[in-house]
């Protein structure tokens, strides 16, 4: 678990020279905590009354291994005796924008398939962790922005990080980066293959 210099929501989470490399390279989950904001010269907790919910961001469209991410999310929700909200955000390709203007329901069929696929991915975990109330959600929008928006209702946001060996060193993806910098709650970064 690492802390930050905790600025306000508009300035964002200041991730420093220690936190970023650790979050990007750690072989185990890393939790980044920003527990206080400064308002008028005095510090106040960001989340005054924890809502008892964890938020897990998942991308089910790729070929990623999200088993590690789901294992962490369900295990943590069971340990904390709280709800788990699993969120998948998606968007139509930019080339569909003109067609979507003419037909606002253009993505409805695809959205239905995504909801169904997410339920199929999560159902075995619901069976395994029957004590955890897990709610799935699919929203149309930029994944980083949607997770940041939903973070205000959560005790912890859980996102994945692909384990890759790059010639310039480990990196975080753009969604994880956005969540780290702007989420209203602590963020857990879980490495996965």
Protein backbone atom coordinates (compact mmCIF):
# COMPACT_ATOMS: atom_id res chain seq x y z
CA UNK A 1 0.00 0.00 0.00
CA UNK A 2 1.38 3.41 -0.98
CA UNK A 3 0.22 6.90 -0.09
CA UNK A 4 0.27 10.16 -2.01
CA UNK A 5 0.58 13.86 -1.55
CA UNK A 6 -3.24 13.91 -1.82
CA UNK A 7 -4.48 16.97 -3.63
CA UNK A 8 -8.08 17.89 -4.33
CA UNK A 9 -10.28 16.39 -7.05
CA UNK A 10 -9.46 19.08 -9.58
CA UNK A 11 -5.72 18.71 -9.23
CA UNK A 12 -5.88 14.93 -9.02
CA UNK A 13 -3.78 12.26 -7.39
CA UNK A 14 -0.11 13.11 -7.40
CA UNK A 15 1.70 9.88 -8.12
CA UNK A 16 5.33 10.29 -7.33
CA UNK A 17 8.67 8.82 -8.17
CA UNK A 18 8.07 5.84 -5.91
CA UNK A 19 4.40 5.06 -6.54
CA UNK A 20 4.42 5.00 -10.35
CA UNK A 21 7.31 2.54 -10.80
CA UNK A 22 6.02 0.29 -8.01
CA UNK A 23 2.48 0.25 -9.46
CA UNK A 24 3.82 -0.42 -12.95
CA UNK A 25 6.28 -3.19 -12.08
CA UNK A 26 5.10 -4.96 -8.93
CA UNK A 27 4.40 -8.68 -9.35
CA UNK A 28 1.63 -8.41 -6.73
CA UNK A 29 -1.34 -6.04 -6.35
CA UNK A 30 -0.52 -2.48 -5.26
CA UNK A 31 -3.00 -0.19 -3.51
CA UNK A 32 -2.58 3.56 -3.88
CA UNK A 33 -4.30 5.56 -1.14
CA UNK A 34 -5.13 9.21 -1.08
CA UNK A 35 -7.05 9.57 2.11
CA UNK A 36 -7.19 13.32 2.66
CA UNK A 37 -7.89 16.48 0.76
CA UNK A 38 -6.97 19.98 1.80
CA UNK A 39 -9.85 22.44 1.92
CA UNK A 40 -9.27 25.96 3.20
CA UNK A 41 -6.05 25.01 4.95
CA UNK A 42 -7.43 22.02 6.84
CA UNK A 43 -7.45 18.36 5.86
CA UNK A 44 -10.64 16.35 5.45
CA UNK A 45 -11.12 12.69 4.49
CA UNK A 46 -12.09 12.16 0.84
CA UNK A 47 -14.67 9.52 1.75
CA UNK A 48 -16.35 10.45 5.02
CA UNK A 49 -18.83 7.56 5.17
CA UNK A 50 -17.65 4.49 3.23
CA UNK A 51 -20.51 3.09 1.18
CA UNK A 52 -19.45 -0.57 1.57
CA UNK A 53 -18.89 -1.24 -2.12
CA UNK A 54 -15.88 -2.14 -4.24
CA UNK A 55 -15.70 -1.22 -7.93
CA UNK A 56 -13.90 -3.49 -10.38
CA UNK A 57 -13.21 -2.31 -13.92
CA UNK A 58 -12.97 -5.07 -16.49
CA UNK A 59 -12.56 -5.29 -20.28
CA UNK A 60 -14.16 -8.51 -21.47
CA UNK A 61 -13.79 -7.84 -25.19
CA UNK A 62 -10.07 -8.55 -25.37
CA UNK A 63 -8.12 -11.74 -24.97
CA UNK A 64 -6.92 -10.69 -21.54
CA UNK A 65 -6.78 -13.05 -18.61
CA UNK A 66 -9.15 -11.40 -16.15
CA UNK A 67 -9.30 -14.36 -13.77
CA UNK A 68 -6.61 -12.79 -11.54
CA UNK A 69 -8.54 -9.52 -11.44
CA UNK A 70 -11.84 -11.25 -10.57
CA UNK A 71 -10.11 -13.41 -7.95
CA UNK A 72 -8.75 -10.27 -6.27
CA UNK A 73 -12.08 -8.42 -6.46
CA UNK A 74 -14.24 -11.24 -5.10
CA UNK A 75 -11.70 -12.17 -2.41
CA UNK A 76 -11.44 -8.56 -1.24
CA UNK A 77 -15.23 -8.12 -1.21
CA UNK A 78 -15.59 -11.34 0.82
CA UNK A 79 -12.87 -10.21 3.24
CA UNK A 80 -14.55 -6.83 3.73
CA UNK A 81 -18.10 -8.23 3.77
CA UNK A 82 -19.23 -5.73 1.14
CA UNK A 83 -20.77 -5.54 -2.32
CA UNK A 84 -18.78 -5.79 -5.56
CA UNK A 85 -19.76 -3.76 -8.60
CA UNK A 86 -18.17 -5.02 -11.83
CA UNK A 87 -18.17 -2.41 -14.58
CA UNK A 88 -17.36 -2.75 -18.27
CA UNK A 89 -17.30 0.46 -20.34
CA UNK A 90 -17.27 0.42 -24.11
CA UNK A 91 -17.73 2.69 -27.10
CA UNK A 92 -18.58 2.25 -30.75
CA UNK A 93 -15.64 2.89 -33.08
CA UNK A 94 -15.37 6.57 -34.15
CA UNK A 95 -16.38 5.61 -37.71
CA UNK A 96 -19.87 4.80 -36.38
CA UNK A 97 -20.47 8.35 -35.07
CA UNK A 98 -22.43 9.62 -38.11
CA UNK A 99 -24.56 6.47 -38.21
CA UNK A 100 -25.21 6.67 -34.47
CA UNK A 101 -26.50 10.22 -34.87
CA UNK A 102 -29.04 8.96 -37.41
CA UNK A 103 -29.90 5.84 -35.39
CA UNK A 104 -29.33 6.33 -31.62
CA UNK A 105 -30.17 2.66 -30.99
CA UNK A 106 -27.37 1.46 -33.24
CA UNK A 107 -25.34 -0.05 -30.42
CA UNK A 108 -28.22 -1.70 -28.57
CA UNK A 109 -27.67 -5.17 -30.04
CA UNK A 110 -23.95 -5.03 -29.36
CA UNK A 111 -24.60 -3.76 -25.83
CA UNK A 112 -26.92 -6.71 -25.22
CA UNK A 113 -24.21 -9.13 -26.30
CA UNK A 114 -21.68 -7.42 -24.04
CA UNK A 115 -24.06 -7.65 -21.05
CA UNK A 116 -24.57 -11.35 -21.76
CA UNK A 117 -20.81 -12.00 -22.12
CA UNK A 118 -20.07 -10.16 -18.86
CA UNK A 119 -22.69 -12.22 -17.00
CA UNK A 120 -21.11 -15.43 -18.35
CA UNK A 121 -17.67 -14.33 -17.14
CA UNK A 122 -18.91 -13.37 -13.67
CA UNK A 123 -21.36 -16.22 -12.96
CA UNK A 124 -18.73 -18.84 -11.96
CA UNK A 125 -17.28 -16.33 -9.49
CA UNK A 126 -20.72 -15.68 -8.01
CA UNK A 127 -21.08 -19.43 -7.47
CA UNK A 128 -17.65 -19.63 -5.86
CA UNK A 129 -18.18 -16.58 -3.61
CA UNK A 130 -21.86 -16.90 -2.74
CA UNK A 131 -21.46 -14.59 0.25
CA UNK A 132 -20.56 -11.68 -2.07
CA UNK A 133 -23.30 -9.65 -3.72
CA UNK A 134 -21.89 -8.92 -7.17
CA UNK A 135 -23.62 -6.51 -9.52
CA UNK A 136 -22.53 -6.19 -13.15
CA UNK A 137 -22.89 -3.11 -15.28
CA UNK A 138 -22.16 -2.14 -18.85
CA UNK A 139 -21.95 1.53 -19.80
CA UNK A 140 -21.21 3.27 -23.05
CA UNK A 141 -18.33 5.68 -22.61
CA UNK A 142 -14.59 5.98 -22.11
CA UNK A 143 -13.53 3.31 -19.59
CA UNK A 144 -11.21 5.57 -17.56
CA UNK A 145 -13.78 8.34 -17.27
CA UNK A 146 -16.60 5.94 -16.36
CA UNK A 147 -14.52 4.29 -13.62
CA UNK A 148 -13.49 7.67 -12.22
CA UNK A 149 -17.13 8.79 -12.22
CA UNK A 150 -18.22 5.60 -10.40
CA UNK A 151 -15.34 5.78 -7.90
CA UNK A 152 -17.15 8.31 -5.71
CA UNK A 153 -19.56 5.53 -4.65
CA UNK A 154 -16.84 3.01 -3.81
CA UNK A 155 -14.39 2.22 -1.02
CA UNK A 156 -11.84 0.89 -3.52
CA UNK A 157 -11.47 0.82 -7.29
CA UNK A 158 -9.81 -2.30 -8.70
CA UNK A 159 -8.16 -2.16 -12.12
CA UNK A 160 -5.84 -4.49 -13.97
CA UNK A 161 -2.37 -4.03 -15.37
CA UNK A 162 -0.97 -6.31 -18.02
CA UNK A 163 2.38 -7.83 -17.21
CA UNK A 164 4.58 -7.00 -20.19
CA UNK A 165 8.27 -6.81 -20.67
CA UNK A 166 9.02 -3.69 -22.67
CA UNK A 167 12.44 -2.41 -23.69
CA UNK A 168 11.75 0.94 -21.95
CA UNK A 169 10.52 -0.56 -18.70
CA UNK A 170 7.11 -1.32 -17.21
CA UNK A 171 4.12 0.87 -18.03
CA UNK A 172 0.56 1.40 -16.99
CA UNK A 173 -2.25 1.49 -19.54
CA UNK A 174 -4.24 4.66 -20.20
CA UNK A 175 -7.33 3.47 -18.27
CA UNK A 176 -5.31 2.53 -15.19
CA UNK A 177 -3.40 5.81 -15.43
CA UNK A 178 -6.64 7.84 -15.58
CA UNK A 179 -8.10 6.00 -12.60
CA UNK A 180 -4.92 6.42 -10.52
CA UNK A 181 -4.85 10.15 -11.11
CA UNK A 182 -8.53 11.01 -10.76
CA UNK A 183 -10.43 8.40 -8.70
CA UNK A 184 -12.16 9.63 -5.56
CA UNK A 185 -11.21 6.47 -3.64
CA UNK A 186 -8.11 4.30 -3.19
CA UNK A 187 -7.07 2.29 -6.25
CA UNK A 188 -5.81 -1.32 -6.39
CA UNK A 189 -3.70 -2.18 -9.43
CA UNK A 190 -3.69 -5.94 -10.05
CA UNK A 191 -1.10 -7.38 -12.45
CA UNK A 192 -2.33 -10.12 -14.80
CA UNK A 193 -0.92 -12.01 -17.80
